[in-house]
Amino acid sequence: MNIYRLDPIVPDHSSWKYSEEKDCVWACAPSPTEARDLVAANTGFATLGATGAKSPWQDEAVTSCVLQPTMSLMSAGDVMREDGSPVDYKSASAP
């Protein structure tokens, strides 16, 4: 499993209204595409997204997605903030 760092590169893009999270995050997934999809799912897109909308985390023009080969402290499916706290706006326990 790989760990990817995703960073906003166009913070004023209109698609950010579809995400509860606006800062860099790390995702543990097999591929960059799956990392982007995982972050989109964990940042509220299912609730905030409109029909035909695209999460900013899935848009290569809006966010970067870079493999972090030296990181290893995450499990498959994890999405974490810089402070190590989990990102999961899908569950009732989300901040």
PDB file of N, CA and C in Angstrom:
ATOM      1  N   MET A   1       0.851  -1.174   0.000  1.00  0.00           N
ATOM      2  CA  MET A   1       0.000   0.000   0.000  1.00  0.00           C
ATOM      3  C   MET A   1       0.896   1.237   0.000  1.00  0.00           C
ATOM      4  N   ASN A   2       0.474   2.271  -0.692  1.00  0.00           N
ATOM      5  CA  ASN A   2       1.242   3.508  -0.813  1.00  0.00           C
ATOM      6  C   ASN A   2       0.589   4.634  -0.012  1.00  0.00           C
ATOM      7  N   ILE A   3       1.407   5.599   0.340  1.00  0.00           N
ATOM      8  CA  ILE A   3       0.905   6.793   1.016  1.00  0.00           C
ATOM      9  C   ILE A   3       1.168   7.982   0.117  1.00  0.00           C
ATOM     10  N   TYR A   4       0.118   8.804  -0.067  1.00  0.00           N
ATOM     11  CA  TYR A   4       0.184   9.972  -0.935  1.00  0.00           C
ATOM     12  C   TYR A   4      -0.135  11.228  -0.132  1.00  0.00           C
ATOM     13  N   ARG A   5       0.573  12.303  -0.439  1.00  0.00           N
ATOM     14  CA  ARG A   5       0.263  13.610   0.128  1.00  0.00           C
ATOM     15  C   ARG A   5      -0.503  14.393  -0.932  1.00  0.00           C
ATOM     16  N   LEU A   6      -1.666  14.893  -0.531  1.00  0.00           N
ATOM     17  CA  LEU A   6      -2.482  15.708  -1.428  1.00  0.00           C
ATOM     18  C   LEU A   6      -2.509  17.130  -0.898  1.00  0.00           C
ATOM     19  N   ASP A   7      -2.177  18.077  -1.769  1.00  0.00           N
ATOM     20  CA  ASP A   7      -2.129  19.482  -1.396  1.00  0.00           C
ATOM     21  C   ASP A   7      -2.985  20.318  -2.330  1.00  0.00           C
ATOM     22  N   PRO A   8      -3.739  21.257  -1.776  1.00  0.00           N
ATOM     23  CA  PRO A   8      -4.445  22.212  -2.639  1.00  0.00           C
ATOM     24  C   PRO A   8      -3.422  23.061  -3.403  1.00  0.00           C
ATOM     25  N   ILE A   9      -3.604  23.195  -4.713  1.00  0.00           N
ATOM     26  CA  ILE A   9      -2.722  24.065  -5.494  1.00  0.00           C
ATOM     27  C   ILE A   9      -3.491  25.251  -6.078  1.00  0.00           C
ATOM     28  N   VAL A  10      -4.814  25.183  -6.059  1.00  0.00           N
ATOM     29  CA  VAL A  10      -5.668  26.310  -6.459  1.00  0.00           C
ATOM     30  C   VAL A  10      -6.712  26.472  -5.346  1.00  0.00           C
ATOM     31  N   PRO A  11      -6.306  27.120  -4.241  1.00  0.00           N
ATOM     32  CA  PRO A  11      -7.188  27.184  -3.070  1.00  0.00           C
ATOM     33  C   PRO A  11      -8.462  28.000  -3.265  1.00  0.00           C
ATOM     34  N   ASP A  12      -8.508  28.824  -4.289  1.00  0.00           N
ATOM     35  CA  ASP A  12      -9.709  29.632  -4.516  1.00  0.00           C
ATOM     36  C   ASP A  12     -10.632  29.036  -5.591  1.00  0.00           C
ATOM     37  N   HIS A  13     -10.361  27.807  -6.017  1.00  0.00           N
ATOM     38  CA  HIS A  13     -11.195  27.156  -7.027  1.00  0.00           C
ATOM     39  C   HIS A  13     -12.605  26.926  -6.466  1.00  0.00           C
ATOM     40  N   SER A  14     -13.603  27.082  -7.292  1.00  0.00           N
ATOM     41  CA  SER A  14     -14.996  26.974  -6.845  1.00  0.00           C
ATOM     42  C   SER A  14     -15.359  25.587  -6.303  1.00  0.00           C
ATOM     43  N   SER A  15     -14.636  24.549  -6.677  1.00  0.00           N
ATOM     44  CA  SER A  15     -14.960  23.194  -6.217  1.00  0.00           C
ATOM     45  C   SER A  15     -14.682  22.978  -4.731  1.00  0.00           C
ATOM     46  N   TRP A  16     -13.958  23.871  -4.091  1.00  0.00           N
ATOM     47  CA  TRP A  16     -13.680  23.699  -2.662  1.00  0.00           C
ATOM     48  C   TRP A  16     -14.938  23.762  -1.810  1.00  0.00           C
ATOM     49  N   LYS A  17     -16.011  24.289  -2.348  1.00  0.00           N
ATOM     50  CA  LYS A  17     -17.263  24.288  -1.586  1.00  0.00           C
ATOM     51  C   LYS A  17     -17.784  22.866  -1.387  1.00  0.00           C
ATOM     52  N   TYR A  18     -17.219  21.890  -2.105  1.00  0.00           N
ATOM     53  CA  TYR A  18     -17.630  20.492  -1.996  1.00  0.00           C
ATOM     54  C   TYR A  18     -16.736  19.693  -1.036  1.00  0.00           C
ATOM     55  N   SER A  19     -15.906  20.374  -0.249  1.00  0.00           N
ATOM     56  CA  SER A  19     -15.012  19.683   0.675  1.00  0.00           C
ATOM     57  C   SER A  19     -15.024  20.354   2.046  1.00  0.00           C
ATOM     58  N   GLU A  20     -15.135  19.533   3.089  1.00  0.00           N
ATOM     59  CA  GLU A  20     -15.036  20.040   4.459  1.00  0.00           C
ATOM     60  C   GLU A  20     -13.581  20.316   4.829  1.00  0.00           C
ATOM     61  N   GLU A  21     -12.663  19.653   4.158  1.00  0.00           N
ATOM     62  CA  GLU A  21     -11.227  19.774   4.452  1.00  0.00           C
ATOM     63  C   GLU A  21     -10.571  20.595   3.358  1.00  0.00           C
ATOM     64  N   LYS A  22      -9.759  21.586   3.751  1.00  0.00           N
ATOM     65  CA  LYS A  22      -9.164  22.485   2.766  1.00  0.00           C
ATOM     66  C   LYS A  22      -7.632  22.512   2.815  1.00  0.00           C
ATOM     67  N   ASP A  23      -7.036  21.772   3.755  1.00  0.00           N
ATOM     68  CA  ASP A  23      -5.584  21.754   3.921  1.00  0.00           C
ATOM     69  C   ASP A  23      -5.009  20.425   3.446  1.00  0.00           C
ATOM     70  N   CYS A  24      -3.688  20.339   3.419  1.00  0.00           N
ATOM     71  CA  CYS A  24      -3.043  19.111   2.942  1.00  0.00           C
ATOM     72  C   CYS A  24      -3.452  17.921   3.797  1.00  0.00           C
ATOM     73  N   VAL A  25      -3.524  16.776   3.148  1.00  0.00           N
ATOM     74  CA  VAL A  25      -3.854  15.509   3.812  1.00  0.00           C
ATOM     75  C   VAL A  25      -2.990  14.400   3.222  1.00  0.00           C
ATOM     76  N   TRP A  26      -2.919  13.285   3.942  1.00  0.00           N
ATOM     77  CA  TRP A  26      -2.239  12.090   3.467  1.00  0.00           C
ATOM     78  C   TRP A  26      -3.265  10.981   3.348  1.00  0.00           C
ATOM     79  N   ALA A  27      -3.125  10.155   2.326  1.00  0.00           N
ATOM     80  CA  ALA A  27      -4.050   9.048   2.109  1.00  0.00           C
ATOM     81  C   ALA A  27      -3.262   7.782   1.816  1.00  0.00           C
ATOM     82  N   CYS A  28      -3.729   6.667   2.358  1.00  0.00           N
ATOM     83  CA  CYS A  28      -3.103   5.369   2.134  1.00  0.00           C
ATOM     84  C   CYS A  28      -3.971   4.582   1.154  1.00  0.00           C
ATOM     85  N   ALA A  29      -3.466   4.413  -0.058  1.00  0.00           N
ATOM     86  CA  ALA A  29      -4.223   3.770  -1.132  1.00  0.00           C
ATOM     87  C   ALA A  29      -3.250   3.141  -2.133  1.00  0.00           C
ATOM     88  N   PRO A  30      -3.725   2.225  -2.972  1.00  0.00           N
ATOM     89  CA  PRO A  30      -2.853   1.565  -3.945  1.00  0.00           C
ATOM     90  C   PRO A  30      -2.341   2.468  -5.071  1.00  0.00           C
ATOM     91  N   SER A  31      -3.106   3.512  -5.428  1.00  0.00           N
ATOM     92  CA  SER A  31      -2.729   4.349  -6.566  1.00  0.00           C
ATOM     93  C   SER A  31      -3.115   5.800  -6.302  1.00  0.00           C
ATOM     94  N   PRO A  32      -2.560   6.735  -7.076  1.00  0.00           N
ATOM     95  CA  PRO A  32      -2.947   8.134  -6.914  1.00  0.00           C
ATOM     96  C   PRO A  32      -4.449   8.368  -7.141  1.00  0.00           C
ATOM     97  N   THR A  33      -5.011   7.699  -8.125  1.00  0.00           N
ATOM     98  CA  THR A  33      -6.444   7.863  -8.400  1.00  0.00           C
ATOM     99  C   THR A  33      -7.279   7.384  -7.216  1.00  0.00           C
ATOM    100  N   GLU A  34      -6.899   6.238  -6.665  1.00  0.00           N
ATOM    101  CA  GLU A  34      -7.631   5.729  -5.507  1.00  0.00           C
ATOM    102  C   GLU A  34      -7.420   6.600  -4.272  1.00  0.00           C
ATOM    103  N   ALA A  35      -6.238   7.203  -4.141  1.00  0.00           N
ATOM    104  CA  ALA A  35      -5.992   8.140  -3.038  1.00  0.00           C
ATOM    105  C   ALA A  35      -6.894   9.363  -3.182  1.00  0.00           C
ATOM    106  N   ARG A  36      -7.001   9.890  -4.393  1.00  0.00           N
ATOM    107  CA  ARG A  36      -7.877  11.043  -4.644  1.00  0.00           C
ATOM    108  C   ARG A  36      -9.334  10.701  -4.335  1.00  0.00           C
ATOM    109  N   ASP A  37      -9.784   9.536  -4.774  1.00  0.00           N
ATOM    110  CA  ASP A  37     -11.170   9.116  -4.516  1.00  0.00           C
ATOM    111  C   ASP A  37     -11.422   8.925  -3.018  1.00  0.00           C
ATOM    112  N   LEU A  38     -10.449   8.363  -2.331  1.00  0.00           N
ATOM    113  CA  LEU A  38     -10.570   8.142  -0.892  1.00  0.00           C
ATOM    114  C   LEU A  38     -10.691   9.477  -0.148  1.00  0.00           C
ATOM    115  N   VAL A  39      -9.845  10.427  -0.504  1.00  0.00           N
ATOM    116  CA  VAL A  39      -9.903  11.738   0.148  1.00  0.00           C
ATOM    117  C   VAL A  39     -11.229  12.428  -0.175  1.00  0.00           C
ATOM    118  N   ALA A  40     -11.668  12.352  -1.411  1.00  0.00           N
ATOM    119  CA  ALA A  40     -12.965  12.954  -1.770  1.00  0.00           C
ATOM    120  C   ALA A  40     -14.078  12.354  -0.915  1.00  0.00           C
ATOM    121  N   ALA A  41     -14.069  11.037  -0.756  1.00  0.00           N
ATOM    122  CA  ALA A  41     -15.103  10.357   0.027  1.00  0.00           C
ATOM    123  C   ALA A  41     -15.049  10.747   1.499  1.00  0.00           C
ATOM    124  N   ASN A  42     -13.854  10.968   2.023  1.00  0.00           N
ATOM    125  CA  ASN A  42     -13.693  11.261   3.448  1.00  0.00           C
ATOM    126  C   ASN A  42     -13.808  12.738   3.799  1.00  0.00           C
ATOM    127  N   THR A  43     -13.953  13.594   2.817  1.00  0.00           N
ATOM    128  CA  THR A  43     -14.005  15.036   3.101  1.00  0.00           C
ATOM    129  C   THR A  43     -15.374  15.649   2.839  1.00  0.00           C
ATOM    130  N   GLY A  44     -16.399  14.827   2.781  1.00  0.00           N
ATOM    131  CA  GLY A  44     -17.761  15.330   2.712  1.00  0.00           C
ATOM    132  C   GLY A  44     -18.360  15.485   1.338  1.00  0.00           C
ATOM    133  N   PHE A  45     -17.692  14.997   0.302  1.00  0.00           N
ATOM    134  CA  PHE A  45     -18.206  15.198  -1.051  1.00  0.00           C
ATOM    135  C   PHE A  45     -19.577  14.563  -1.257  1.00  0.00           C
ATOM    136  N   ALA A  46     -19.812  13.404  -0.668  1.00  0.00           N
ATOM    137  CA  ALA A  46     -21.108  12.728  -0.841  1.00  0.00           C
ATOM    138  C   ALA A  46     -22.257  13.598  -0.335  1.00  0.00           C
ATOM    139  N   THR A  47     -22.010  14.376   0.700  1.00  0.00           N
ATOM    140  CA  THR A  47     -23.031  15.248   1.282  1.00  0.00           C
ATOM    141  C   THR A  47     -23.091  16.606   0.588  1.00  0.00           C
ATOM    142  N   LEU A  48     -21.916  17.151   0.256  1.00  0.00           N
ATOM    143  CA  LEU A  48     -21.836  18.518  -0.276  1.00  0.00           C
ATOM    144  C   LEU A  48     -21.905  18.604  -1.798  1.00  0.00           C
ATOM    145  N   GLY A  49     -21.520  17.552  -2.487  1.00  0.00           N
ATOM    146  CA  GLY A  49     -21.427  17.578  -3.943  1.00  0.00           C
ATOM    147  C   GLY A  49     -22.773  17.678  -4.634  1.00  0.00           C
ATOM    148  N   ALA A  50     -22.818  18.442  -5.704  1.00  0.00           N
ATOM    149  CA  ALA A  50     -24.020  18.572  -6.520  1.00  0.00           C
ATOM    150  C   ALA A  50     -23.928  17.589  -7.688  1.00  0.00           C
ATOM    151  N   THR A  51     -25.036  17.312  -8.327  1.00  0.00           N
ATOM    152  CA  THR A  51     -25.052  16.424  -9.479  1.00  0.00           C
ATOM    153  C   THR A  51     -24.086  16.947 -10.541  1.00  0.00           C
ATOM    154  N   GLY A  52     -23.197  16.090 -11.005  1.00  0.00           N
ATOM    155  CA  GLY A  52     -22.221  16.465 -12.015  1.00  0.00           C
ATOM    156  C   GLY A  52     -20.999  17.174 -11.469  1.00  0.00           C
ATOM    157  N   ALA A  53     -20.953  17.414 -10.175  1.00  0.00           N
ATOM    158  CA  ALA A  53     -19.818  18.117  -9.568  1.00  0.00           C
ATOM    159  C   ALA A  53     -18.625  17.179  -9.412  1.00  0.00           C
ATOM    160  N   LYS A  54     -17.454  17.762  -9.264  1.00  0.00           N
ATOM    161  CA  LYS A  54     -16.222  17.008  -9.055  1.00  0.00           C
ATOM    162  C   LYS A  54     -15.547  17.539  -7.796  1.00  0.00           C
ATOM    163  N   SER A  55     -15.144  16.643  -6.925  1.00  0.00           N
ATOM    164  CA  SER A  55     -14.422  17.046  -5.720  1.00  0.00           C
ATOM    165  C   SER A  55     -13.099  17.692  -6.114  1.00  0.00           C
ATOM    166  N   PRO A  56     -12.671  18.712  -5.391  1.00  0.00           N
ATOM    167  CA  PRO A  56     -11.367  19.309  -5.702  1.00  0.00           C
ATOM    168  C   PRO A  56     -10.227  18.305  -5.523  1.00  0.00           C
ATOM    169  N   TRP A  57     -10.438  17.327  -4.654  1.00  0.00           N
ATOM    170  CA  TRP A  57      -9.398  16.324  -4.415  1.00  0.00           C
ATOM    171  C   TRP A  57      -9.229  15.389  -5.608  1.00  0.00           C
ATOM    172  N   GLN A  58     -10.216  15.294  -6.469  1.00  0.00           N
ATOM    173  CA  GLN A  58     -10.140  14.429  -7.651  1.00  0.00           C
ATOM    174  C   GLN A  58      -9.634  15.160  -8.890  1.00  0.00           C
ATOM    175  N   ASP A  59      -9.433  16.451  -8.779  1.00  0.00           N
ATOM    176  CA  ASP A  59      -9.048  17.289  -9.921  1.00  0.00           C
ATOM    177  C   ASP A  59      -7.547  17.590  -9.875  1.00  0.00           C
ATOM    178  N   GLU A  60      -6.798  17.048 -10.818  1.00  0.00           N
ATOM    179  CA  GLU A  60      -5.342  17.247 -10.868  1.00  0.00           C
ATOM    180  C   GLU A  60      -4.948  18.703 -11.071  1.00  0.00           C
ATOM    181  N   ALA A  61      -5.849  19.515 -11.597  1.00  0.00           N
ATOM    182  CA  ALA A  61      -5.560  20.938 -11.789  1.00  0.00           C
ATOM    183  C   ALA A  61      -5.752  21.727 -10.494  1.00  0.00           C
ATOM    184  N   VAL A  62      -6.408  21.124  -9.511  1.00  0.00           N
ATOM    185  CA  VAL A  62      -6.742  21.828  -8.268  1.00  0.00           C
ATOM    186  C   VAL A  62      -5.932  21.322  -7.075  1.00  0.00           C
ATOM    187  N   THR A  63      -5.568  20.042  -7.092  1.00  0.00           N
ATOM    188  CA  THR A  63      -4.752  19.470  -6.008  1.00  0.00           C
ATOM    189  C   THR A  63      -3.636  18.597  -6.573  1.00  0.00           C
ATOM    190  N   SER A  64      -2.502  18.619  -5.881  1.00  0.00           N
ATOM    191  CA  SER A  64      -1.416  17.707  -6.232  1.00  0.00           C
ATOM    192  C   SER A  64      -1.602  16.404  -5.457  1.00  0.00           C
ATOM    193  N   CYS A  65      -0.986  15.343  -5.942  1.00  0.00           N
ATOM    194  CA  CYS A  65      -1.042  14.037  -5.277  1.00  0.00           C
ATOM    195  C   CYS A  65       0.323  13.390  -5.484  1.00  0.00           C
ATOM    196  N   VAL A  66       1.140  13.387  -4.425  1.00  0.00           N
ATOM    197  CA  VAL A  66       2.530  12.959  -4.538  1.00  0.00           C
ATOM    198  C   VAL A  66       2.803  11.768  -3.628  1.00  0.00           C
ATOM    199  N   LEU A  67       3.395  10.734  -4.193  1.00  0.00           N
ATOM    200  CA  LEU A  67       3.787   9.554  -3.431  1.00  0.00           C
ATOM    201  C   LEU A  67       4.783   9.952  -2.348  1.00  0.00           C
ATOM    202  N   GLN A  68       4.580   9.435  -1.140  1.00  0.00           N
ATOM    203  CA  GLN A  68       5.471   9.685  -0.001  1.00  0.00           C
ATOM    204  C   GLN A  68       6.128   8.353   0.384  1.00  0.00           C
ATOM    205  N   PRO A  69       7.199   7.963  -0.306  1.00  0.00           N
ATOM    206  CA  PRO A  69       7.764   6.625  -0.115  1.00  0.00           C
ATOM    207  C   PRO A  69       8.369   6.378   1.262  1.00  0.00           C
ATOM    208  N   THR A  70       8.683   7.416   2.018  1.00  0.00           N
ATOM    209  CA  THR A  70       9.305   7.208   3.331  1.00  0.00           C
ATOM    210  C   THR A  70       8.283   7.082   4.452  1.00  0.00           C
ATOM    211  N   MET A  71       7.013   7.337   4.182  1.00  0.00           N
ATOM    212  CA  MET A  71       5.981   7.215   5.215  1.00  0.00           C
ATOM    213  C   MET A  71       5.475   5.782   5.266  1.00  0.00           C
ATOM    214  N   SER A  72       5.194   5.315   6.494  1.00  0.00           N
ATOM    215  CA  SER A  72       4.719   3.930   6.612  1.00  0.00           C
ATOM    216  C   SER A  72       3.785   3.710   7.798  1.00  0.00           C
ATOM    217  N   LEU A  73       3.357   4.744   8.465  1.00  0.00           N
ATOM    218  CA  LEU A  73       2.575   4.576   9.689  1.00  0.00           C
ATOM    219  C   LEU A  73       1.070   4.695   9.480  1.00  0.00           C
ATOM    220  N   MET A  74       0.604   4.400   8.289  1.00  0.00           N
ATOM    221  CA  MET A  74      -0.822   4.472   7.998  1.00  0.00           C
ATOM    222  C   MET A  74      -1.312   3.112   7.503  1.00  0.00           C
ATOM    223  N   SER A  75      -2.584   2.878   7.689  1.00  0.00           N
ATOM    224  CA  SER A  75      -3.205   1.644   7.215  1.00  0.00           C
ATOM    225  C   SER A  75      -4.038   1.931   5.970  1.00  0.00           C
ATOM    226  N   ALA A  76      -4.283   0.922   5.169  1.00  0.00           N
ATOM    227  CA  ALA A  76      -5.087   1.064   3.954  1.00  0.00           C
ATOM    228  C   ALA A  76      -6.416   1.745   4.282  1.00  0.00           C
ATOM    229  N   GLY A  77      -6.753   2.749   3.496  1.00  0.00           N
ATOM    230  CA  GLY A  77      -8.017   3.459   3.670  1.00  0.00           C
ATOM    231  C   GLY A  77      -7.947   4.644   4.610  1.00  0.00           C
ATOM    232  N   ASP A  78      -6.805   4.862   5.280  1.00  0.00           N
ATOM    233  CA  ASP A  78      -6.663   6.003   6.184  1.00  0.00           C
ATOM    234  C   ASP A  78      -6.504   7.307   5.414  1.00  0.00           C
ATOM    235  N   VAL A  79      -7.084   8.373   5.952  1.00  0.00           N
ATOM    236  CA  VAL A  79      -6.844   9.737   5.484  1.00  0.00           C
ATOM    237  C   VAL A  79      -6.524  10.539   6.736  1.00  0.00           C
ATOM    238  N   MET A  80      -5.360  11.208   6.733  1.00  0.00           N
ATOM    239  CA  MET A  80      -4.895  11.916   7.920  1.00  0.00           C
ATOM    240  C   MET A  80      -4.532  13.362   7.616  1.00  0.00           C
ATOM    241  N   ARG A  81      -4.710  14.199   8.632  1.00  0.00           N
ATOM    242  CA  ARG A  81      -4.250  15.585   8.573  1.00  0.00           C
ATOM    243  C   ARG A  81      -2.769  15.639   8.964  1.00  0.00           C
ATOM    244  N   GLU A  82      -2.196  16.818   8.807  1.00  0.00           N
ATOM    245  CA  GLU A  82      -0.792  17.018   9.152  1.00  0.00           C
ATOM    246  C   GLU A  82      -0.515  16.711  10.627  1.00  0.00           C
ATOM    247  N   ASP A  83      -1.489  16.974  11.506  1.00  0.00           N
ATOM    248  CA  ASP A  83      -1.299  16.708  12.935  1.00  0.00           C
ATOM    249  C   ASP A  83      -1.531  15.242  13.306  1.00  0.00           C
ATOM    250  N   GLY A  84      -1.838  14.403  12.313  1.00  0.00           N
ATOM    251  CA  GLY A  84      -2.043  12.978  12.552  1.00  0.00           C
ATOM    252  C   GLY A  84      -3.481  12.580  12.860  1.00  0.00           C
ATOM    253  N   SER A  85      -4.375  13.558  12.957  1.00  0.00           N
ATOM    254  CA  SER A  85      -5.770  13.232  13.232  1.00  0.00           C
ATOM    255  C   SER A  85      -6.452  12.718  11.966  1.00  0.00           C
ATOM    256  N   PRO A  86      -7.402  11.815  12.144  1.00  0.00           N
ATOM    257  CA  PRO A  86      -8.080  11.233  10.972  1.00  0.00           C
ATOM    258  C   PRO A  86      -9.054  12.216  10.328  1.00  0.00           C
ATOM    259  N   VAL A  87      -9.210  12.088   9.030  1.00  0.00           N
ATOM    260  CA  VAL A  87     -10.208  12.854   8.275  1.00  0.00           C
ATOM    261  C   VAL A  87     -11.299  11.881   7.896  1.00  0.00           C
ATOM    262  N   ASP A  88     -12.496  12.097   8.420  1.00  0.00           N
ATOM    263  CA  ASP A  88     -13.604  11.211   8.095  1.00  0.00           C
ATOM    264  C   ASP A  88     -14.918  11.928   8.344  1.00  0.00           C
ATOM    265  N   TYR A  89     -15.335  12.720   7.391  1.00  0.00           N
ATOM    266  CA  TYR A  89     -16.608  13.439   7.495  1.00  0.00           C
ATOM    267  C   TYR A  89     -17.779  12.544   7.111  1.00  0.00           C
ATOM    268  N   LYS A  90     -17.522  11.248   6.869  1.00  0.00           N
ATOM    269  CA  LYS A  90     -18.586  10.293   6.566  1.00  0.00           C
ATOM    270  C   LYS A  90     -19.237   9.805   7.845  1.00  0.00           C
ATOM    271  N   SER A  91     -18.502   9.842   8.966  1.00  0.00           N
ATOM    272  CA  SER A  91     -19.017   9.254  10.205  1.00  0.00           C
ATOM    273  C   SER A  91     -19.510  10.331  11.168  1.00  0.00           C
ATOM    274  N   ALA A  92     -20.320   9.913  12.108  1.00  0.00           N
ATOM    275  CA  ALA A  92     -20.857  10.830  13.114  1.00  0.00           C
ATOM    276  C   ALA A  92     -19.780  11.332  14.062  1.00  0.00           C
ATOM    277  N   SER A  93     -18.645  10.659  14.127  1.00  0.00           N
ATOM    278  CA  SER A  93     -17.589  11.062  15.055  1.00  0.00           C
ATOM    279  C   SER A  93     -16.648  12.093  14.453  1.00  0.00           C
ATOM    280  N   ALA A  94     -16.921  12.553  13.234  1.00  0.00           N
ATOM    281  CA  ALA A  94     -16.060  13.546  12.586  1.00  0.00           C
ATOM    282  C   ALA A  94     -16.094  14.837  13.358  1.00  0.00           C
ATOM    283  N   PRO A  95     -14.966  15.584  13.358  1.00  0.00           N
ATOM    284  CA  PRO A  95     -14.909  16.844  14.101  1.00  0.00           C
ATOM    285  C   PRO A  95     -15.839  17.884  13.535  1.00  0.00           C
TER     286      PRO A  95
END
